[in-house]
Amino acid sequence: MTSPLESIPSSLLPSGLATPIFLVALLLAALFLIFFGRRVIKAVAFILGGLAGAYFGGILGAAFLGSLGTLVAELVGFLLGGLLGMSFLSFAIGLGLGYAGYAITQAIVGSALASLSVGLVLFVVGKILAAKILSLVSVIFGGFLLLNVLTFVGLPLELALLAVIILSSLGLWVQNESAKRMSLS
């Protein structure tokens, strides 16, 4: 009979990606997600939204304002797109949680009204708790990535799990304390 720990795959990393530089990069990415995940995800949302805004601003600027106007429109588009990207993040979290609640309720109960009600409530909860959910999700993803890196380099699964649990707990605490300090200032 196998233990529950033995049933967990030891690593999900393909062997071709196991170069030392790549493993260090994955380790750093895991630690950044665990300790600074909410900030990293917000920064990525700002940059992606900003790039989209700069693209559309550049199109509009080129069509109506000439070359100098295009540069100004791209800059304004980047800033507006970045702000929209960050504000869309809480909406996206609410939407994801609401859809998951809808789908699970539909599968269990089969009632459209109950599914819509649960989905709507979870959408609102997701929007309200978006920052905490974002922290938790980033810690979970960072923890899974860290577990894969540690087991791939040969750390026994029990020790890797212990390290992941300790670092993830610490990372969640750090992110929550950081959010408290940001809201006080």
C-alpha atoms as a PDB file:
ATOM      1  CA  MET A   1       0.000   0.000   0.000  1.00  0.00           C
ATOM      2  CA  THR A   2       1.354   3.428  -0.913  1.00  0.00           C
ATOM      3  CA  SER A   3       1.235   6.443   1.347  1.00  0.00           C
ATOM      4  CA  PRO A   4      -0.677   9.550   0.260  1.00  0.00           C
ATOM      5  CA  LEU A   5       2.614  11.431  -0.165  1.00  0.00           C
ATOM      6  CA  GLU A   6       3.906   8.836  -2.614  1.00  0.00           C
ATOM      7  CA  SER A   7       0.892   9.385  -4.865  1.00  0.00           C
ATOM      8  CA  ILE A   8       1.876  13.038  -5.446  1.00  0.00           C
ATOM      9  CA  PRO A   9       4.026  13.396  -8.575  1.00  0.00           C
ATOM     10  CA  SER A  10       7.568  14.240  -7.558  1.00  0.00           C
ATOM     11  CA  SER A  11       7.923  16.937 -10.189  1.00  0.00           C
ATOM     12  CA  LEU A  12       5.880  18.385 -12.982  1.00  0.00           C
ATOM     13  CA  LEU A  13       8.894  20.056 -14.593  1.00  0.00           C
ATOM     14  CA  PRO A  14       9.999  18.622 -17.933  1.00  0.00           C
ATOM     15  CA  SER A  15      13.588  17.394 -17.805  1.00  0.00           C
ATOM     16  CA  GLY A  16      14.605  19.644 -20.721  1.00  0.00           C
ATOM     17  CA  LEU A  17      13.891  22.719 -18.604  1.00  0.00           C
ATOM     18  CA  ALA A  18      16.052  21.572 -15.726  1.00  0.00           C
ATOM     19  CA  THR A  19      19.016  23.851 -16.377  1.00  0.00           C
ATOM     20  CA  PRO A  20      20.425  25.501 -13.250  1.00  0.00           C
ATOM     21  CA  ILE A  21      19.601  29.011 -14.511  1.00  0.00           C
ATOM     22  CA  PHE A  22      16.004  28.024 -15.255  1.00  0.00           C
ATOM     23  CA  LEU A  23      15.607  26.360 -11.858  1.00  0.00           C
ATOM     24  CA  VAL A  24      16.946  29.475 -10.106  1.00  0.00           C
ATOM     25  CA  ALA A  25      14.540  31.614 -12.153  1.00  0.00           C
ATOM     26  CA  LEU A  26      11.632  29.338 -11.174  1.00  0.00           C
ATOM     27  CA  LEU A  27      12.710  29.446  -7.532  1.00  0.00           C
ATOM     28  CA  LEU A  28      12.825  33.247  -7.597  1.00  0.00           C
ATOM     29  CA  ALA A  29       9.443  33.401  -9.371  1.00  0.00           C
ATOM     30  CA  ALA A  30       7.961  31.106  -6.716  1.00  0.00           C
ATOM     31  CA  LEU A  31       9.330  33.235  -3.879  1.00  0.00           C
ATOM     32  CA  PHE A  32       8.136  36.456  -5.528  1.00  0.00           C
ATOM     33  CA  LEU A  33       4.651  34.968  -5.915  1.00  0.00           C
ATOM     34  CA  ILE A  34       4.633  33.781  -2.307  1.00  0.00           C
ATOM     35  CA  PHE A  35       5.864  37.027  -0.737  1.00  0.00           C
ATOM     36  CA  PHE A  36       4.874  39.754  -3.239  1.00  0.00           C
ATOM     37  CA  GLY A  37       2.261  38.027  -5.412  1.00  0.00           C
ATOM     38  CA  ARG A  38      -0.500  40.590  -5.078  1.00  0.00           C
ATOM     39  CA  ARG A  39       1.866  43.399  -6.084  1.00  0.00           C
ATOM     40  CA  VAL A  40       3.368  41.365  -8.924  1.00  0.00           C
ATOM     41  CA  ILE A  41      -0.060  40.495 -10.335  1.00  0.00           C
ATOM     42  CA  LYS A  42      -1.225  44.113 -10.052  1.00  0.00           C
ATOM     43  CA  ALA A  43       1.946  45.294 -11.812  1.00  0.00           C
ATOM     44  CA  VAL A  44       1.438  42.757 -14.600  1.00  0.00           C
ATOM     45  CA  ALA A  45      -2.211  43.842 -14.955  1.00  0.00           C
ATOM     46  CA  PHE A  46      -1.093  47.497 -15.134  1.00  0.00           C
ATOM     47  CA  ILE A  47       1.574  46.755 -17.755  1.00  0.00           C
ATOM     48  CA  LEU A  48      -0.679  44.581 -19.927  1.00  0.00           C
ATOM     49  CA  GLY A  49      -3.544  47.069 -19.721  1.00  0.00           C
ATOM     50  CA  GLY A  50      -1.083  49.879 -20.378  1.00  0.00           C
ATOM     51  CA  LEU A  51       0.316  48.217 -23.482  1.00  0.00           C
ATOM     52  CA  ALA A  52      -3.189  47.704 -24.845  1.00  0.00           C
ATOM     53  CA  GLY A  53      -4.045  51.327 -24.042  1.00  0.00           C
ATOM     54  CA  ALA A  54      -0.848  52.579 -25.684  1.00  0.00           C
ATOM     55  CA  TYR A  55      -1.643  50.561 -28.808  1.00  0.00           C
ATOM     56  CA  PHE A  56      -5.135  52.004 -29.139  1.00  0.00           C
ATOM     57  CA  GLY A  57      -3.920  55.479 -28.157  1.00  0.00           C
ATOM     58  CA  GLY A  58      -1.279  55.257 -30.874  1.00  0.00           C
ATOM     59  CA  ILE A  59      -3.865  54.293 -33.470  1.00  0.00           C
ATOM     60  CA  LEU A  60      -6.119  57.187 -32.499  1.00  0.00           C
ATOM     61  CA  GLY A  61      -3.198  59.612 -32.241  1.00  0.00           C
ATOM     62  CA  ALA A  62      -1.864  58.659 -35.662  1.00  0.00           C
ATOM     63  CA  ALA A  63      -5.285  59.063 -37.225  1.00  0.00           C
ATOM     64  CA  PHE A  64      -6.084  62.476 -35.733  1.00  0.00           C
ATOM     65  CA  LEU A  65      -3.073  64.160 -34.129  1.00  0.00           C
ATOM     66  CA  GLY A  66       0.084  63.609 -36.177  1.00  0.00           C
ATOM     67  CA  SER A  67       3.420  62.249 -34.939  1.00  0.00           C
ATOM     68  CA  LEU A  68       3.758  64.304 -31.735  1.00  0.00           C
ATOM     69  CA  GLY A  69       0.112  63.691 -30.918  1.00  0.00           C
ATOM     70  CA  THR A  70       0.669  59.982 -31.441  1.00  0.00           C
ATOM     71  CA  LEU A  71       3.364  59.928 -28.757  1.00  0.00           C
ATOM     72  CA  VAL A  72       1.174  61.856 -26.334  1.00  0.00           C
ATOM     73  CA  ALA A  73      -1.816  59.626 -27.116  1.00  0.00           C
ATOM     74  CA  GLU A  74       0.298  56.507 -26.548  1.00  0.00           C
ATOM     75  CA  LEU A  75       1.474  57.803 -23.170  1.00  0.00           C
ATOM     76  CA  VAL A  76      -2.042  58.762 -22.086  1.00  0.00           C
ATOM     77  CA  GLY A  77      -3.352  55.448 -23.438  1.00  0.00           C
ATOM     78  CA  PHE A  78      -0.716  53.550 -21.460  1.00  0.00           C
ATOM     79  CA  LEU A  79      -1.645  55.266 -18.203  1.00  0.00           C
ATOM     80  CA  LEU A  80      -5.415  54.924 -18.732  1.00  0.00           C
ATOM     81  CA  GLY A  81      -5.083  51.330 -19.920  1.00  0.00           C
ATOM     82  CA  GLY A  82      -2.922  50.474 -16.926  1.00  0.00           C
ATOM     83  CA  LEU A  83      -5.444  51.927 -14.496  1.00  0.00           C
ATOM     84  CA  LEU A  84      -8.269  50.081 -16.266  1.00  0.00           C
ATOM     85  CA  GLY A  85      -6.251  46.858 -16.150  1.00  0.00           C
ATOM     86  CA  MET A  86      -5.782  47.156 -12.395  1.00  0.00           C
ATOM     87  CA  SER A  87      -9.421  48.047 -11.780  1.00  0.00           C
ATOM     88  CA  PHE A  88     -10.558  45.156 -13.982  1.00  0.00           C
ATOM     89  CA  LEU A  89      -8.630  42.764 -11.734  1.00  0.00           C
ATOM     90  CA  SER A  90     -11.190  42.810  -8.905  1.00  0.00           C
ATOM     91  CA  PHE A  91     -13.997  42.459 -11.455  1.00  0.00           C
ATOM     92  CA  ALA A  92     -12.239  39.450 -12.990  1.00  0.00           C
ATOM     93  CA  ILE A  93     -11.800  37.817  -9.577  1.00  0.00           C
ATOM     94  CA  GLY A  94     -15.485  38.349  -8.805  1.00  0.00           C
ATOM     95  CA  LEU A  95     -16.451  37.017 -12.214  1.00  0.00           C
ATOM     96  CA  GLY A  96     -14.301  33.907 -11.807  1.00  0.00           C
ATOM     97  CA  LEU A  97     -15.602  33.158  -8.334  1.00  0.00           C
ATOM     98  CA  GLY A  98     -19.176  33.815  -9.418  1.00  0.00           C
ATOM     99  CA  TYR A  99     -18.876  31.515 -12.415  1.00  0.00           C
ATOM    100  CA  ALA A 100     -17.309  28.760 -10.315  1.00  0.00           C
ATOM    101  CA  GLY A 101     -20.139  29.043  -7.792  1.00  0.00           C
ATOM    102  CA  TYR A 102     -22.714  28.997 -10.587  1.00  0.00           C
ATOM    103  CA  ALA A 103     -21.181  25.953 -12.286  1.00  0.00           C
ATOM    104  CA  ILE A 104     -20.777  23.952  -9.070  1.00  0.00           C
ATOM    105  CA  THR A 105     -24.308  24.772  -7.893  1.00  0.00           C
ATOM    106  CA  GLN A 106     -25.715  23.901 -11.323  1.00  0.00           C
ATOM    107  CA  ALA A 107     -23.913  20.545 -11.262  1.00  0.00           C
ATOM    108  CA  ILE A 108     -25.081  19.700  -7.739  1.00  0.00           C
ATOM    109  CA  VAL A 109     -28.592  21.155  -7.573  1.00  0.00           C
ATOM    110  CA  GLY A 110     -29.550  21.588 -11.229  1.00  0.00           C
ATOM    111  CA  SER A 111     -31.671  24.672 -10.512  1.00  0.00           C
ATOM    112  CA  ALA A 112     -31.021  27.723 -12.684  1.00  0.00           C
ATOM    113  CA  LEU A 113     -32.397  30.136 -10.067  1.00  0.00           C
ATOM    114  CA  ALA A 114     -30.282  28.676  -7.254  1.00  0.00           C
ATOM    115  CA  SER A 115     -27.205  28.637  -9.500  1.00  0.00           C
ATOM    116  CA  LEU A 116     -27.677  32.259 -10.524  1.00  0.00           C
ATOM    117  CA  SER A 117     -28.246  33.288  -6.896  1.00  0.00           C
ATOM    118  CA  VAL A 118     -25.083  31.546  -5.688  1.00  0.00           C
ATOM    119  CA  GLY A 119     -23.119  32.924  -8.643  1.00  0.00           C
ATOM    120  CA  LEU A 120     -24.290  36.474  -7.962  1.00  0.00           C
ATOM    121  CA  VAL A 121     -23.496  36.260  -4.250  1.00  0.00           C
ATOM    122  CA  LEU A 122     -20.026  34.848  -4.955  1.00  0.00           C
ATOM    123  CA  PHE A 123     -19.435  37.543  -7.589  1.00  0.00           C
ATOM    124  CA  VAL A 124     -20.099  40.236  -4.968  1.00  0.00           C
ATOM    125  CA  VAL A 125     -17.980  38.400  -2.365  1.00  0.00           C
ATOM    126  CA  GLY A 126     -15.175  38.072  -4.914  1.00  0.00           C
ATOM    127  CA  LYS A 127     -15.244  41.796  -5.698  1.00  0.00           C
ATOM    128  CA  ILE A 128     -15.239  42.709  -1.997  1.00  0.00           C
ATOM    129  CA  LEU A 129     -12.483  40.257  -1.025  1.00  0.00           C
ATOM    130  CA  ALA A 130     -10.434  40.569  -4.232  1.00  0.00           C
ATOM    131  CA  ALA A 131      -7.227  41.680  -2.500  1.00  0.00           C
ATOM    132  CA  LYS A 132      -7.282  38.793  -0.014  1.00  0.00           C
ATOM    133  CA  ILE A 133      -8.211  36.296  -2.739  1.00  0.00           C
ATOM    134  CA  LEU A 134      -5.398  37.633  -4.929  1.00  0.00           C
ATOM    135  CA  SER A 135      -2.908  37.155  -2.089  1.00  0.00           C
ATOM    136  CA  LEU A 136      -4.133  33.628  -1.391  1.00  0.00           C
ATOM    137  CA  VAL A 137      -4.089  32.570  -5.041  1.00  0.00           C
ATOM    138  CA  SER A 138      -0.585  33.963  -5.579  1.00  0.00           C
ATOM    139  CA  VAL A 139       0.679  32.128  -2.482  1.00  0.00           C
ATOM    140  CA  ILE A 140      -0.919  28.864  -3.668  1.00  0.00           C
ATOM    141  CA  PHE A 141       0.585  29.155  -7.165  1.00  0.00           C
ATOM    142  CA  GLY A 142       3.967  30.140  -5.735  1.00  0.00           C
ATOM    143  CA  GLY A 143       3.802  27.214  -3.306  1.00  0.00           C
ATOM    144  CA  PHE A 144       3.081  24.704  -6.068  1.00  0.00           C
ATOM    145  CA  LEU A 145       5.921  26.110  -8.148  1.00  0.00           C
ATOM    146  CA  LEU A 146       8.266  25.969  -5.158  1.00  0.00           C
ATOM    147  CA  LEU A 147       7.233  22.368  -4.432  1.00  0.00           C
ATOM    148  CA  ASN A 148       8.077  21.381  -8.000  1.00  0.00           C
ATOM    149  CA  VAL A 149      11.470  23.058  -7.917  1.00  0.00           C
ATOM    150  CA  LEU A 150      12.412  21.578  -4.536  1.00  0.00           C
ATOM    151  CA  THR A 151      11.379  18.038  -5.459  1.00  0.00           C
ATOM    152  CA  PHE A 152      13.066  18.319  -8.848  1.00  0.00           C
ATOM    153  CA  VAL A 153      16.418  19.145  -7.252  1.00  0.00           C
ATOM    154  CA  GLY A 154      16.093  16.066  -5.067  1.00  0.00           C
ATOM    155  CA  LEU A 155      14.695  17.308  -1.760  1.00  0.00           C
ATOM    156  CA  PRO A 156      12.536  14.581  -0.212  1.00  0.00           C
ATOM    157  CA  LEU A 157       8.831  15.260  -0.657  1.00  0.00           C
ATOM    158  CA  GLU A 158       8.175  15.470   3.087  1.00  0.00           C
ATOM    159  CA  LEU A 159      10.844  18.172   3.569  1.00  0.00           C
ATOM    160  CA  ALA A 160       9.734  20.016   0.436  1.00  0.00           C
ATOM    161  CA  LEU A 161       6.127  20.059   1.668  1.00  0.00           C
ATOM    162  CA  LEU A 162       7.238  21.310   5.085  1.00  0.00           C
ATOM    163  CA  ALA A 163       9.286  24.094   3.466  1.00  0.00           C
ATOM    164  CA  VAL A 164       6.375  25.038   1.194  1.00  0.00           C
ATOM    165  CA  ILE A 165       3.901  25.130   4.095  1.00  0.00           C
ATOM    166  CA  ILE A 166       6.211  27.270   6.233  1.00  0.00           C
ATOM    167  CA  LEU A 167       7.149  29.677   3.424  1.00  0.00           C
ATOM    168  CA  SER A 168       3.565  29.924   2.137  1.00  0.00           C
ATOM    169  CA  SER A 169       2.229  30.680   5.603  1.00  0.00           C
ATOM    170  CA  LEU A 170       4.913  33.302   6.100  1.00  0.00           C
ATOM    171  CA  GLY A 171       4.260  34.753   2.638  1.00  0.00           C
ATOM    172  CA  LEU A 172       0.523  35.038   3.258  1.00  0.00           C
ATOM    173  CA  TRP A 173       1.216  36.792   6.556  1.00  0.00           C
ATOM    174  CA  VAL A 174       3.700  39.177   4.864  1.00  0.00           C
ATOM    175  CA  GLN A 175       1.222  40.031   2.101  1.00  0.00           C
ATOM    176  CA  ASN A 176      -1.618  40.620   4.572  1.00  0.00           C
ATOM    177  CA  GLU A 177       0.561  42.800   6.837  1.00  0.00           C
ATOM    178  CA  SER A 178       1.713  44.759   3.805  1.00  0.00           C
ATOM    179  CA  ALA A 179      -1.912  45.326   2.783  1.00  0.00           C
ATOM    180  CA  LYS A 180      -2.754  46.517   6.301  1.00  0.00           C
ATOM    181  CA  ARG A 181       0.128  49.004   6.271  1.00  0.00           C
ATOM    182  CA  MET A 182      -0.872  50.255   2.815  1.00  0.00           C
ATOM    183  CA  SER A 183      -4.478  50.816   3.903  1.00  0.00           C
ATOM    184  CA  LEU A 184      -3.406  52.743   7.019  1.00  0.00           C
ATOM    185  CA  SER A 185      -1.278  55.210   5.075  1.00  0.00           C
END
